[in-house]
Amino acid sequence: MGTGRTLRKESHVRPCKTPAGKARKSKAQRARLVKLGMAEEEVKLMGDEAVRVLVQRPTVVKKLAAKKTAAK
């Protein structure tokens, strides 16, 4: 499917999100949180909405991860 002017001009002809695309994006966001320092088990238990919110604020995630490692 092309991405020319006719597809950008009206909202009703935009391609819809596929479940595979959503899953791919969610998996990438979870991997990003793990790279920022969060525990993998903790990220697995989180919902998609919580993951999305945390990915938007990487400095907060780094502070939380540092605080948890310092507490141990």
PDB file of N, CA and C in Angstrom:
ATOM      1  N   MET A   1       0.838  -1.171   0.000  1.00  0.00           N
ATOM      2  CA  MET A   1       0.000   0.000   0.000  1.00  0.00           C
ATOM      3  C   MET A   1       0.884   1.236   0.000  1.00  0.00           C
ATOM      4  N   GLY A   2       0.585   2.177  -0.873  1.00  0.00           N
ATOM      5  CA  GLY A   2       1.396   3.373  -0.994  1.00  0.00           C
ATOM      6  C   GLY A   2       1.157   4.365   0.121  1.00  0.00           C
ATOM      7  N   THR A   3       1.985   5.395   0.143  1.00  0.00           N
ATOM      8  CA  THR A   3       1.831   6.437   1.163  1.00  0.00           C
ATOM      9  C   THR A   3       1.800   7.809   0.512  1.00  0.00           C
ATOM     10  N   GLY A   4       1.227   7.900  -0.660  1.00  0.00           N
ATOM     11  CA  GLY A   4       1.185   9.157  -1.398  1.00  0.00           C
ATOM     12  C   GLY A   4       0.184  10.141  -0.831  1.00  0.00           C
ATOM     13  N   ARG A   5      -0.021  11.234  -1.547  1.00  0.00           N
ATOM     14  CA  ARG A   5      -0.876  12.327  -1.084  1.00  0.00           C
ATOM     15  C   ARG A   5      -2.314  11.876  -0.875  1.00  0.00           C
ATOM     16  N   THR A   6      -2.806  11.006  -1.717  1.00  0.00           N
ATOM     17  CA  THR A   6      -4.207  10.591  -1.577  1.00  0.00           C
ATOM     18  C   THR A   6      -4.443   9.841  -0.278  1.00  0.00           C
ATOM     19  N   LEU A   7      -3.446   9.171   0.227  1.00  0.00           N
ATOM     20  CA  LEU A   7      -3.622   8.440   1.478  1.00  0.00           C
ATOM     21  C   LEU A   7      -3.414   9.325   2.699  1.00  0.00           C
ATOM     22  N   ARG A   8      -2.683  10.418   2.558  1.00  0.00           N
ATOM     23  CA  ARG A   8      -2.438  11.314   3.691  1.00  0.00           C
ATOM     24  C   ARG A   8      -3.536  12.349   3.854  1.00  0.00           C
ATOM     25  N   LYS A   9      -4.285  12.595   2.827  1.00  0.00           N
ATOM     26  CA  LYS A   9      -5.181  13.730   2.800  1.00  0.00           C
ATOM     27  C   LYS A   9      -6.481  13.514   3.591  1.00  0.00           C
ATOM     28  N   GLU A  10      -7.000  12.325   3.648  1.00  0.00           N
ATOM     29  CA  GLU A  10      -8.241  12.079   4.367  1.00  0.00           C
ATOM     30  C   GLU A  10      -8.036  10.961   5.382  1.00  0.00           C
ATOM     31  N   SER A  11      -8.606  11.156   6.555  1.00  0.00           N
ATOM     32  CA  SER A  11      -8.349  10.218   7.629  1.00  0.00           C
ATOM     33  C   SER A  11      -8.999   8.853   7.407  1.00  0.00           C
ATOM     34  N   HIS A  12     -10.067   8.765   6.629  1.00  0.00           N
ATOM     35  CA  HIS A  12     -10.750   7.490   6.479  1.00  0.00           C
ATOM     36  C   HIS A  12     -10.038   6.519   5.538  1.00  0.00           C
ATOM     37  N   VAL A  13      -8.972   6.936   4.905  1.00  0.00           N
ATOM     38  CA  VAL A  13      -8.230   6.023   4.046  1.00  0.00           C
ATOM     39  C   VAL A  13      -6.878   5.644   4.641  1.00  0.00           C
ATOM     40  N   ARG A  14      -6.663   6.029   5.887  1.00  0.00           N
ATOM     41  CA  ARG A  14      -5.398   5.667   6.532  1.00  0.00           C
ATOM     42  C   ARG A  14      -5.381   4.176   6.819  1.00  0.00           C
ATOM     43  N   PRO A  15      -4.231   3.541   6.704  1.00  0.00           N
ATOM     44  CA  PRO A  15      -4.161   2.126   7.044  1.00  0.00           C
ATOM     45  C   PRO A  15      -4.359   1.927   8.543  1.00  0.00           C
ATOM     46  N   CYS A  16      -5.106   0.896   8.926  1.00  0.00           N
ATOM     47  CA  CYS A  16      -5.375   0.664  10.345  1.00  0.00           C
ATOM     48  C   CYS A  16      -4.245  -0.157  10.955  1.00  0.00           C
ATOM     49  N   LYS A  17      -4.118  -0.040  12.277  1.00  0.00           N
ATOM     50  CA  LYS A  17      -3.082  -0.783  12.988  1.00  0.00           C
ATOM     51  C   LYS A  17      -3.441  -2.258  12.999  1.00  0.00           C
ATOM     52  N   THR A  18      -2.456  -3.081  12.845  1.00  0.00           N
ATOM     53  CA  THR A  18      -2.668  -4.516  12.891  1.00  0.00           C
ATOM     54  C   THR A  18      -2.257  -5.039  14.260  1.00  0.00           C
ATOM     55  N   PRO A  19      -2.821  -6.137  14.701  1.00  0.00           N
ATOM     56  CA  PRO A  19      -2.390  -6.719  15.980  1.00  0.00           C
ATOM     57  C   PRO A  19      -0.902  -7.069  15.991  1.00  0.00           C
ATOM     58  N   ALA A  20      -0.375  -7.505  14.865  1.00  0.00           N
ATOM     59  CA  ALA A  20       1.052  -7.831  14.801  1.00  0.00           C
ATOM     60  C   ALA A  20       1.904  -6.579  14.994  1.00  0.00           C
ATOM     61  N   GLY A  21       1.470  -5.460  14.426  1.00  0.00           N
ATOM     62  CA  GLY A  21       2.202  -4.210  14.585  1.00  0.00           C
ATOM     63  C   GLY A  21       2.188  -3.731  16.030  1.00  0.00           C
ATOM     64  N   LYS A  22       1.036  -3.868  16.683  1.00  0.00           N
ATOM     65  CA  LYS A  22       0.934  -3.476  18.088  1.00  0.00           C
ATOM     66  C   LYS A  22       1.831  -4.346  18.961  1.00  0.00           C
ATOM     67  N   ALA A  23       1.833  -5.641  18.687  1.00  0.00           N
ATOM     68  CA  ALA A  23       2.655  -6.562  19.479  1.00  0.00           C
ATOM     69  C   ALA A  23       4.133  -6.262  19.290  1.00  0.00           C
ATOM     70  N   ARG A  24       4.520  -5.949  18.057  1.00  0.00           N
ATOM     71  CA  ARG A  24       5.918  -5.624  17.764  1.00  0.00           C
ATOM     72  C   ARG A  24       6.353  -4.374  18.518  1.00  0.00           C
ATOM     73  N   LYS A  25       5.483  -3.369  18.528  1.00  0.00           N
ATOM     74  CA  LYS A  25       5.789  -2.119  19.211  1.00  0.00           C
ATOM     75  C   LYS A  25       5.874  -2.327  20.723  1.00  0.00           C
ATOM     76  N   SER A  26       4.950  -3.114  21.262  1.00  0.00           N
ATOM     77  CA  SER A  26       4.948  -3.395  22.690  1.00  0.00           C
ATOM     78  C   SER A  26       6.210  -4.145  23.099  1.00  0.00           C
ATOM     79  N   LYS A  27       6.618  -5.105  22.288  1.00  0.00           N
ATOM     80  CA  LYS A  27       7.825  -5.879  22.583  1.00  0.00           C
ATOM     81  C   LYS A  27       9.056  -4.986  22.577  1.00  0.00           C
ATOM     82  N   ALA A  28       9.119  -4.059  21.614  1.00  0.00           N
ATOM     83  CA  ALA A  28      10.255  -3.142  21.528  1.00  0.00           C
ATOM     84  C   ALA A  28      10.286  -2.202  22.733  1.00  0.00           C
ATOM     85  N   GLN A  29       9.106  -1.740  23.176  1.00  0.00           N
ATOM     86  CA  GLN A  29       9.052  -0.845  24.325  1.00  0.00           C
ATOM     87  C   GLN A  29       9.474  -1.555  25.608  1.00  0.00           C
ATOM     88  N   ARG A  30       9.065  -2.813  25.757  1.00  0.00           N
ATOM     89  CA  ARG A  30       9.463  -3.590  26.934  1.00  0.00           C
ATOM     90  C   ARG A  30      10.979  -3.810  26.944  1.00  0.00           C
ATOM     91  N   ALA A  31      11.547  -4.087  25.778  1.00  0.00           N
ATOM     92  CA  ALA A  31      13.002  -4.265  25.686  1.00  0.00           C
ATOM     93  C   ALA A  31      13.721  -2.967  26.034  1.00  0.00           C
ATOM     94  N   ARG A  32      13.141  -1.844  25.649  1.00  0.00           N
ATOM     95  CA  ARG A  32      13.734  -0.547  25.961  1.00  0.00           C
ATOM     96  C   ARG A  32      13.760  -0.298  27.461  1.00  0.00           C
ATOM     97  N   LEU A  33      12.693  -0.682  28.160  1.00  0.00           N
ATOM     98  CA  LEU A  33      12.663  -0.519  29.610  1.00  0.00           C
ATOM     99  C   LEU A  33      13.709  -1.392  30.290  1.00  0.00           C
ATOM    100  N   VAL A  34      13.903  -2.606  29.788  1.00  0.00           N
ATOM    101  CA  VAL A  34      14.916  -3.496  30.359  1.00  0.00           C
ATOM    102  C   VAL A  34      16.306  -2.894  30.158  1.00  0.00           C
ATOM    103  N   LYS A  35      16.546  -2.298  29.000  1.00  0.00           N
ATOM    104  CA  LYS A  35      17.844  -1.664  28.742  1.00  0.00           C
ATOM    105  C   LYS A  35      18.065  -0.452  29.641  1.00  0.00           C
ATOM    106  N   LEU A  36      16.980   0.199  30.041  1.00  0.00           N
ATOM    107  CA  LEU A  36      17.109   1.359  30.928  1.00  0.00           C
ATOM    108  C   LEU A  36      17.409   0.955  32.364  1.00  0.00           C
ATOM    109  N   GLY A  37      17.285  -0.343  32.671  1.00  0.00           N
ATOM    110  CA  GLY A  37      17.675  -0.799  33.999  1.00  0.00           C
ATOM    111  C   GLY A  37      16.592  -1.465  34.818  1.00  0.00           C
ATOM    112  N   MET A  38      15.392  -1.572  34.299  1.00  0.00           N
ATOM    113  CA  MET A  38      14.329  -2.230  35.053  1.00  0.00           C
ATOM    114  C   MET A  38      14.505  -3.741  34.996  1.00  0.00           C
ATOM    115  N   ALA A  39      13.991  -4.430  35.991  1.00  0.00           N
ATOM    116  CA  ALA A  39      14.072  -5.889  36.034  1.00  0.00           C
ATOM    117  C   ALA A  39      13.133  -6.485  34.987  1.00  0.00           C
ATOM    118  N   GLU A  40      13.610  -7.511  34.308  1.00  0.00           N
ATOM    119  CA  GLU A  40      12.826  -8.121  33.232  1.00  0.00           C
ATOM    120  C   GLU A  40      11.527  -8.738  33.758  1.00  0.00           C
ATOM    121  N   GLU A  41      11.575  -9.341  34.951  1.00  0.00           N
ATOM    122  CA  GLU A  41      10.379  -9.950  35.534  1.00  0.00           C
ATOM    123  C   GLU A  41       9.319  -8.884  35.840  1.00  0.00           C
ATOM    124  N   GLU A  42       9.790  -7.734  36.310  1.00  0.00           N
ATOM    125  CA  GLU A  42       8.881  -6.643  36.638  1.00  0.00           C
ATOM    126  C   GLU A  42       8.213  -6.097  35.382  1.00  0.00           C
ATOM    127  N   VAL A  43       8.974  -5.996  34.301  1.00  0.00           N
ATOM    128  CA  VAL A  43       8.438  -5.473  33.045  1.00  0.00           C
ATOM    129  C   VAL A  43       7.429  -6.454  32.456  1.00  0.00           C
ATOM    130  N   LYS A  44       7.667  -7.756  32.605  1.00  0.00           N
ATOM    131  CA  LYS A  44       6.738  -8.759  32.080  1.00  0.00           C
ATOM    132  C   LYS A  44       5.376  -8.658  32.747  1.00  0.00           C
ATOM    133  N   LEU A  45       5.341  -8.306  34.028  1.00  0.00           N
ATOM    134  CA  LEU A  45       4.084  -8.232  34.761  1.00  0.00           C
ATOM    135  C   LEU A  45       3.294  -6.955  34.484  1.00  0.00           C
ATOM    136  N   MET A  46       3.949  -5.962  33.905  1.00  0.00           N
ATOM    137  CA  MET A  46       3.288  -4.680  33.656  1.00  0.00           C
ATOM    138  C   MET A  46       2.364  -4.768  32.448  1.00  0.00           C
ATOM    139  N   GLY A  47       1.329  -3.937  32.453  1.00  0.00           N
ATOM    140  CA  GLY A  47       0.425  -3.847  31.318  1.00  0.00           C
ATOM    141  C   GLY A  47       0.995  -2.939  30.239  1.00  0.00           C
ATOM    142  N   ASP A  48       0.383  -2.998  29.067  1.00  0.00           N
ATOM    143  CA  ASP A  48       0.872  -2.207  27.933  1.00  0.00           C
ATOM    144  C   ASP A  48       0.796  -0.708  28.205  1.00  0.00           C
ATOM    145  N   GLU A  49      -0.261  -0.271  28.880  1.00  0.00           N
ATOM    146  CA  GLU A  49      -0.426   1.161  29.162  1.00  0.00           C
ATOM    147  C   GLU A  49       0.678   1.671  30.082  1.00  0.00           C
ATOM    148  N   ALA A  50       1.003   0.906  31.111  1.00  0.00           N
ATOM    149  CA  ALA A  50       2.054   1.308  32.051  1.00  0.00           C
ATOM    150  C   ALA A  50       3.414   1.341  31.359  1.00  0.00           C
ATOM    151  N   VAL A  51       3.655   0.388  30.483  1.00  0.00           N
ATOM    152  CA  VAL A  51       4.912   0.353  29.733  1.00  0.00           C
ATOM    153  C   VAL A  51       5.025   1.596  28.863  1.00  0.00           C
ATOM    154  N   ARG A  52       3.935   1.943  28.207  1.00  0.00           N
ATOM    155  CA  ARG A  52       3.927   3.100  27.315  1.00  0.00           C
ATOM    156  C   ARG A  52       4.231   4.385  28.078  1.00  0.00           C
ATOM    157  N   VAL A  53       3.673   4.522  29.264  1.00  0.00           N
ATOM    158  CA  VAL A  53       3.891   5.731  30.071  1.00  0.00           C
ATOM    159  C   VAL A  53       5.345   5.812  30.519  1.00  0.00           C
ATOM    160  N   LEU A  54       5.917   4.702  30.957  1.00  0.00           N
ATOM    161  CA  LEU A  54       7.299   4.715  31.444  1.00  0.00           C
ATOM    162  C   LEU A  54       8.306   4.938  30.323  1.00  0.00           C
ATOM    163  N   VAL A  55       8.025   4.438  29.142  1.00  0.00           N
ATOM    164  CA  VAL A  55       8.953   4.620  28.019  1.00  0.00           C
ATOM    165  C   VAL A  55       9.079   6.097  27.655  1.00  0.00           C
ATOM    166  N   GLN A  56       8.028   6.855  27.904  1.00  0.00           N
ATOM    167  CA  GLN A  56       8.046   8.281  27.579  1.00  0.00           C
ATOM    168  C   GLN A  56       8.932   9.082  28.523  1.00  0.00           C
ATOM    169  N   ARG A  57       9.281   8.514  29.690  1.00  0.00           N
ATOM    170  CA  ARG A  57      10.099   9.223  30.679  1.00  0.00           C
ATOM    171  C   ARG A  57      11.291   8.376  31.100  1.00  0.00           C
ATOM    172  N   PRO A  58      12.318   8.317  30.254  1.00  0.00           N
ATOM    173  CA  PRO A  58      13.459   7.455  30.554  1.00  0.00           C
ATOM    174  C   PRO A  58      14.263   7.897  31.776  1.00  0.00           C
ATOM    175  N   THR A  59      14.304   9.181  32.081  1.00  0.00           N
ATOM    176  CA  THR A  59      15.071   9.615  33.251  1.00  0.00           C
ATOM    177  C   THR A  59      14.424   9.124  34.540  1.00  0.00           C
ATOM    178  N   VAL A  60      13.102   9.100  34.572  1.00  0.00           N
ATOM    179  CA  VAL A  60      12.387   8.590  35.746  1.00  0.00           C
ATOM    180  C   VAL A  60      12.669   7.103  35.917  1.00  0.00           C
ATOM    181  N   VAL A  61      12.683   6.368  34.814  1.00  0.00           N
ATOM    182  CA  VAL A  61      12.939   4.927  34.862  1.00  0.00           C
ATOM    183  C   VAL A  61      14.354   4.667  35.377  1.00  0.00           C
ATOM    184  N   LYS A  62      15.320   5.442  34.918  1.00  0.00           N
ATOM    185  CA  LYS A  62      16.691   5.263  35.377  1.00  0.00           C
ATOM    186  C   LYS A  62      16.809   5.534  36.874  1.00  0.00           C
ATOM    187  N   LYS A  63      16.110   6.565  37.365  1.00  0.00           N
ATOM    188  CA  LYS A  63      16.148   6.879  38.798  1.00  0.00           C
ATOM    189  C   LYS A  63      15.513   5.760  39.619  1.00  0.00           C
ATOM    190  N   LEU A  64      14.378   5.243  39.144  1.00  0.00           N
ATOM    191  CA  LEU A  64      13.726   4.140  39.859  1.00  0.00           C
ATOM    192  C   LEU A  64      14.605   2.900  39.911  1.00  0.00           C
ATOM    193  N   ALA A  65      15.248   2.584  38.791  1.00  0.00           N
ATOM    194  CA  ALA A  65      16.116   1.409  38.731  1.00  0.00           C
ATOM    195  C   ALA A  65      17.328   1.592  39.649  1.00  0.00           C
ATOM    196  N   ALA A  66      17.891   2.797  39.667  1.00  0.00           N
ATOM    197  CA  ALA A  66      19.048   3.055  40.524  1.00  0.00           C
ATOM    198  C   ALA A  66      18.657   2.968  41.997  1.00  0.00           C
ATOM    199  N   LYS A  67      17.464   3.453  42.324  1.00  0.00           N
ATOM    200  CA  LYS A  67      17.006   3.406  43.715  1.00  0.00           C
ATOM    201  C   LYS A  67      16.793   1.966  44.171  1.00  0.00           C
ATOM    202  N   LYS A  68      16.257   1.115  43.297  1.00  0.00           N
ATOM    203  CA  LYS A  68      16.029  -0.282  43.664  1.00  0.00           C
ATOM    204  C   LYS A  68      17.341  -1.049  43.818  1.00  0.00           C
ATOM    205  N   THR A  69      18.326  -0.754  42.972  1.00  0.00           N
ATOM    206  CA  THR A  69      19.610  -1.452  43.099  1.00  0.00           C
ATOM    207  C   THR A  69      20.366  -0.966  44.333  1.00  0.00           C
ATOM    208  N   ALA A  70      20.195   0.307  44.691  1.00  0.00           N
ATOM    209  CA  ALA A  70      20.847   0.832  45.886  1.00  0.00           C
ATOM    210  C   ALA A  70      20.219   0.251  47.153  1.00  0.00           C
ATOM    211  N   ALA A  71      18.937  -0.035  47.105  1.00  0.00           N
ATOM    212  CA  ALA A  71      18.254  -0.601  48.271  1.00  0.00           C
ATOM    213  C   ALA A  71      18.682  -2.037  48.529  1.00  0.00           C
ATOM    214  N   LYS A  72      19.059  -2.740  47.488  1.00  0.00           N
ATOM    215  CA  LYS A  72      19.513  -4.122  47.644  1.00  0.00           C
ATOM    216  C   LYS A  72      20.896  -4.126  48.183  1.00  0.00           C
TER     217      LYS A  72
END
